[in-house]
Protein backbone atom coordinates (compact mmCIF):
# COMPACT_ATOMS: atom_id res chain seq x y z
CA UNK A 1 -55.56 -71.67 -30.61
CA UNK A 2 -54.00 -69.40 -33.24
CA UNK A 3 -55.03 -69.59 -36.88
CA UNK A 4 -51.69 -71.17 -37.80
CA UNK A 5 -52.11 -73.80 -35.09
CA UNK A 6 -55.65 -74.53 -36.29
CA UNK A 7 -54.38 -74.97 -39.85
CA UNK A 8 -51.67 -77.39 -38.70
CA UNK A 9 -54.10 -79.37 -36.52
CA UNK A 10 -56.45 -79.68 -39.49
CA UNK A 11 -53.53 -81.08 -41.47
CA UNK A 12 -52.75 -83.56 -38.68
CA UNK A 13 -56.35 -84.75 -38.75
CA UNK A 14 -56.24 -85.04 -42.52
CA UNK A 15 -53.12 -87.23 -42.25
CA UNK A 16 -54.82 -89.28 -39.53
CA UNK A 17 -57.80 -89.82 -41.85
CA UNK A 18 -55.49 -90.82 -44.72
CA UNK A 19 -53.71 -93.39 -42.56
CA UNK A 20 -57.01 -94.75 -41.28
CA UNK A 21 -58.57 -95.06 -44.73
CA UNK A 22 -55.45 -96.74 -46.14
CA UNK A 23 -54.79 -99.03 -43.20
CA UNK A 24 -55.04 -102.22 -45.28
CA UNK A 25 -52.40 -101.05 -47.76
CA UNK A 26 -50.07 -99.78 -45.06
CA UNK A 27 -50.55 -102.25 -42.20
CA UNK A 28 -47.49 -104.28 -43.29
CA UNK A 29 -45.28 -101.27 -42.60
CA UNK A 30 -44.94 -101.28 -38.82
CA UNK A 31 -43.08 -97.94 -38.50
CA UNK A 32 -46.00 -96.24 -40.25
CA UNK A 33 -48.52 -98.00 -38.02
CA UNK A 34 -46.55 -96.98 -34.93
CA UNK A 35 -46.43 -93.40 -36.17
CA UNK A 36 -50.19 -93.42 -36.73
CA UNK A 37 -50.77 -94.57 -33.17
CA UNK A 38 -48.55 -91.81 -31.77
CA UNK A 39 -50.30 -89.25 -34.00
CA UNK A 40 -53.71 -90.25 -32.65
CA UNK A 41 -52.46 -89.96 -29.07
CA UNK A 42 -51.00 -86.53 -29.79
CA UNK A 43 -54.28 -85.40 -31.36
CA UNK A 44 -56.11 -86.43 -28.19
CA UNK A 45 -53.72 -84.29 -26.14
CA UNK A 46 -54.14 -81.37 -28.52
CA UNK A 47 -57.94 -81.59 -28.32
CA UNK A 48 -57.76 -81.73 -24.52
CA UNK A 49 -55.46 -78.68 -24.27
CA UNK A 50 -57.57 -76.81 -26.80
CA UNK A 51 -60.72 -77.37 -24.78
CA UNK A 52 -59.07 -76.07 -21.61
CA UNK A 53 -57.63 -73.09 -23.48
CA UNK A 54 -61.05 -72.18 -24.90
CA UNK A 55 -62.76 -72.23 -21.50
CA UNK A 56 -61.43 -68.76 -20.65
CA UNK A 57 -62.99 -66.57 -17.98
CA UNK A 58 -66.27 -65.60 -19.63
CA UNK A 59 -68.39 -67.97 -17.53
CA UNK A 60 -66.88 -66.94 -14.19
CA UNK A 61 -66.94 -63.24 -15.11
CA UNK A 62 -70.57 -63.48 -16.19
CA UNK A 63 -71.57 -65.20 -12.95
CA UNK A 64 -69.74 -62.56 -10.92
CA UNK A 65 -71.55 -59.78 -12.77
CA UNK A 66 -74.94 -61.43 -12.21
CA UNK A 67 -74.19 -61.78 -8.50
CA UNK A 68 -73.21 -58.10 -8.30
CA UNK A 69 -76.49 -57.05 -9.96
CA UNK A 70 -78.54 -59.11 -7.51
CA UNK A 71 -76.47 -57.91 -4.55
CA UNK A 72 -77.04 -54.28 -5.56
CA UNK A 73 -80.79 -54.89 -5.67
CA UNK A 74 -80.84 -56.58 -2.27
CA UNK A 75 -78.57 -53.94 -0.71
CA UNK A 76 -81.01 -51.20 -1.74
CA UNK A 77 -84.07 -53.12 -0.59
CA UNK A 78 -82.65 -54.16 2.77
CA UNK A 79 -81.00 -50.83 3.58
CA UNK A 80 -84.18 -48.92 2.68
CA UNK A 81 -86.15 -51.13 5.06
CA UNK A 82 -83.50 -50.58 7.74
CA UNK A 83 -83.75 -46.81 7.20
CA UNK A 84 -87.51 -46.99 7.65
CA UNK A 85 -87.12 -49.01 10.84
CA UNK A 86 -84.45 -46.59 12.12
CA UNK A 87 -86.79 -43.64 11.50
CA UNK A 88 -89.71 -45.39 13.16
CA UNK A 89 -87.71 -46.25 16.29
CA UNK A 90 -85.33 -43.29 16.30
CA UNK A 91 -82.40 -45.73 16.24
CA UNK A 92 -79.40 -43.55 15.39
CA UNK A 93 -76.93 -46.44 15.23
CA UNK A 94 -79.10 -48.31 12.75
CA UNK A 95 -79.57 -45.10 10.78
CA UNK A 96 -75.80 -44.74 10.35
CA UNK A 97 -75.55 -48.25 8.94
CA UNK A 98 -78.63 -47.96 6.71
CA UNK A 99 -78.28 -44.45 5.30
CA UNK A 100 -75.46 -44.40 2.77
CA UNK A 101 -75.09 -42.87 -0.72
CA UNK A 102 -76.51 -45.33 -3.22
CA UNK A 103 -73.80 -44.23 -5.69
CA UNK A 104 -71.39 -46.28 -3.55
CA UNK A 105 -72.73 -49.42 -5.22
CA UNK A 106 -70.65 -48.66 -8.30
CA UNK A 107 -67.90 -46.52 -6.76
CA UNK A 108 -66.58 -48.78 -4.03
CA UNK A 109 -63.56 -50.95 -4.69
CA UNK A 110 -64.31 -54.65 -4.51
CA UNK A 111 -62.86 -55.14 -1.03
CA UNK A 112 -64.71 -52.13 0.38
CA UNK A 113 -67.93 -53.23 -1.30
CA UNK A 114 -67.59 -56.62 0.40
CA UNK A 115 -67.18 -54.92 3.81
CA UNK A 116 -70.24 -52.70 3.24
CA UNK A 117 -72.44 -55.65 2.27
CA UNK A 118 -71.26 -57.54 5.35
CA UNK A 119 -72.07 -54.54 7.56
CA UNK A 120 -75.61 -54.25 6.19
CA UNK A 121 -76.12 -58.01 6.42
CA UNK A 122 -75.13 -58.23 10.09
CA UNK A 123 -77.28 -55.24 11.06
CA UNK A 124 -80.27 -56.57 9.12
CA UNK A 125 -79.93 -60.09 10.51
CA UNK A 126 -80.11 -58.76 14.06
CA UNK A 127 -83.53 -57.19 13.39
CA UNK A 128 -84.87 -59.57 10.75
CA UNK A 129 -88.22 -59.91 12.54
CA UNK A 130 -88.73 -56.13 12.50
CA UNK A 131 -87.74 -55.76 8.85
CA UNK A 132 -90.44 -58.23 7.81
CA UNK A 133 -93.07 -55.49 8.14
CA UNK A 134 -91.09 -53.44 5.60
CA UNK A 135 -91.21 -56.25 3.04
CA UNK A 136 -87.81 -57.84 3.64
CA UNK A 137 -87.62 -61.60 4.22
CA UNK A 138 -85.03 -63.53 6.20
CA UNK A 139 -84.17 -65.37 2.97
CA UNK A 140 -83.29 -62.05 1.29
CA UNK A 141 -81.09 -61.05 4.20
CA UNK A 142 -79.27 -64.39 4.10
CA UNK A 143 -78.83 -63.98 0.34
CA UNK A 144 -76.73 -60.88 1.01
CA UNK A 145 -74.14 -63.01 2.77
CA UNK A 146 -74.42 -65.94 0.35
CA UNK A 147 -73.92 -63.82 -2.76
CA UNK A 148 -71.23 -61.71 -1.13
CA UNK A 149 -69.23 -64.80 -0.17
CA UNK A 150 -69.66 -66.29 -3.63
CA UNK A 151 -68.41 -63.11 -5.32
CA UNK A 152 -65.32 -63.13 -3.14
CA UNK A 153 -64.48 -66.60 -4.42
CA UNK A 154 -64.93 -65.64 -8.06
CA UNK A 155 -61.83 -63.43 -8.19
CA UNK A 156 -59.28 -66.18 -7.40
CA UNK A 157 -61.28 -68.60 -9.54
CA UNK A 158 -61.04 -66.23 -12.50
CA UNK A 159 -57.32 -65.80 -11.85
CA UNK A 160 -56.86 -69.58 -11.69
CA UNK A 161 -58.75 -70.06 -14.94
CA UNK A 162 -56.40 -67.57 -16.60
CA UNK A 163 -53.35 -69.42 -15.28
CA UNK A 164 -54.68 -72.82 -16.39
CA UNK A 165 -55.65 -71.42 -19.80
CA UNK A 166 -52.19 -69.89 -20.28
CA UNK A 167 -50.53 -73.19 -19.35
CA UNK A 168 -52.80 -75.05 -21.76
CA UNK A 169 -51.83 -72.60 -24.52
CA UNK A 170 -48.15 -73.28 -23.92
CA UNK A 171 -48.64 -77.06 -23.92
CA UNK A 172 -50.84 -76.85 -27.01
CA UNK A 173 -48.21 -74.84 -28.87
CA UNK A 174 -45.55 -77.39 -27.91
CA UNK A 175 -47.69 -80.36 -29.01
CA UNK A 176 -48.48 -78.76 -32.37
CA UNK A 177 -44.85 -77.82 -33.06
CA UNK A 178 -43.57 -81.27 -32.05
CA UNK A 179 -46.15 -83.10 -34.15
CA UNK A 180 -45.43 -80.94 -37.17
CA UNK A 181 -41.71 -81.67 -36.83
CA UNK A 182 -42.38 -85.41 -36.42
CA UNK A 183 -44.40 -85.51 -39.62
CA UNK A 184 -41.72 -83.65 -41.57
CA UNK A 185 -38.78 -85.63 -40.22
CA UNK A 186 -40.33 -89.07 -39.84
CA UNK A 187 -43.60 -89.73 -41.67
CA UNK A 188 -42.59 -87.86 -44.83
CA UNK A 189 -39.50 -90.08 -45.05
CA UNK A 190 -41.47 -93.23 -44.29
CA UNK A 191 -43.91 -92.41 -47.07
CA UNK A 192 -41.27 -91.36 -49.65
CA UNK A 193 -40.73 -94.87 -51.14
CA UNK A 194 -44.43 -94.95 -52.10
CA UNK A 195 -43.79 -92.18 -54.63
CA UNK A 196 -42.51 -94.99 -56.90
CA UNK A 197 -44.10 -98.07 -55.28
CA UNK A 198 -47.65 -96.71 -55.25
CA UNK A 199 -47.77 -93.23 -56.85
CA UNK A 200 -51.53 -92.85 -56.47
CA UNK A 201 -51.36 -93.63 -52.74
CA UNK A 202 -48.45 -91.23 -52.38
CA UNK A 203 -50.39 -88.53 -54.18
CA UNK A 204 -53.22 -88.94 -51.70
CA UNK A 205 -50.72 -88.60 -48.88
CA UNK A 206 -49.24 -85.37 -50.23
CA UNK A 207 -52.76 -83.97 -50.59
CA UNK A 208 -53.46 -84.87 -46.95
CA UNK A 209 -50.16 -83.22 -45.96
CA UNK A 210 -51.05 -79.83 -47.39
CA UNK A 211 -51.59 -77.13 -44.78
CA UNK A 212 -54.59 -75.13 -45.92
CA UNK A 213 -55.24 -71.67 -44.54
CA UNK A 214 -58.94 -72.05 -43.82
CA UNK A 215 -59.57 -68.31 -43.57
CA UNK A 216 -57.85 -67.62 -46.89
CA UNK A 217 -58.86 -70.97 -48.48
CA UNK A 218 -55.44 -71.37 -50.05
CA UNK A 219 -52.45 -73.65 -49.49
CA UNK A 220 -49.35 -72.50 -47.72
CA UNK A 221 -46.05 -72.50 -49.66
CA UNK A 222 -44.96 -76.05 -50.36
CA UNK A 223 -41.47 -75.60 -48.93
CA UNK A 224 -42.63 -75.57 -45.30
CA UNK A 225 -45.58 -77.95 -45.41
CA UNK A 226 -45.50 -80.79 -47.94
CA UNK A 227 -42.84 -83.42 -48.61
CA UNK A 228 -40.46 -82.56 -51.46
CA UNK A 229 -39.86 -84.77 -54.48
């Protein structure tokens, strides 16, 4: 949510509070009551879109990074054990799978990294009983595949979160703009007679209608926020 949108939403909530606190004085005016009901529904939609928008990709990205760190650790441990077993048994095929530059952990593209982990996993799984003597458990070998599969799913999940967040931003912007227009064109006119009927009540309304820039702690120009006399 942009700062301007936040300022407008704060104004909407201030108007909602005004209408709630003055319900007894205003309940005889059905158009105002109907407007209040629609305002509360719109605020619920705004809060919902705002929550989705704020979700972002930080959680998914953080989980993906944690999985990569653990995968790197397991790749080194398992491949080192495989190298030891290859040396002990003179297994050239296993040696080719196990002996690889450790710098590849950070140099490989994501798709190639996935293939390399899968290659090590399959080779290690086939000799899991032999790798036990080198300190590698079957659970650790299986974790290679589990974490690798999970990381593969993170990328589309992160992309989906971005798409959903962008859509929520668009809907949020539309809700805020529509509600602001509705207040200007409808509620301001509904409240105008109270400037003479109940001046104090009307004064409270105009105070609620002010759009305050929270970061600057000052009101916006009256001509695009508050009702005119």
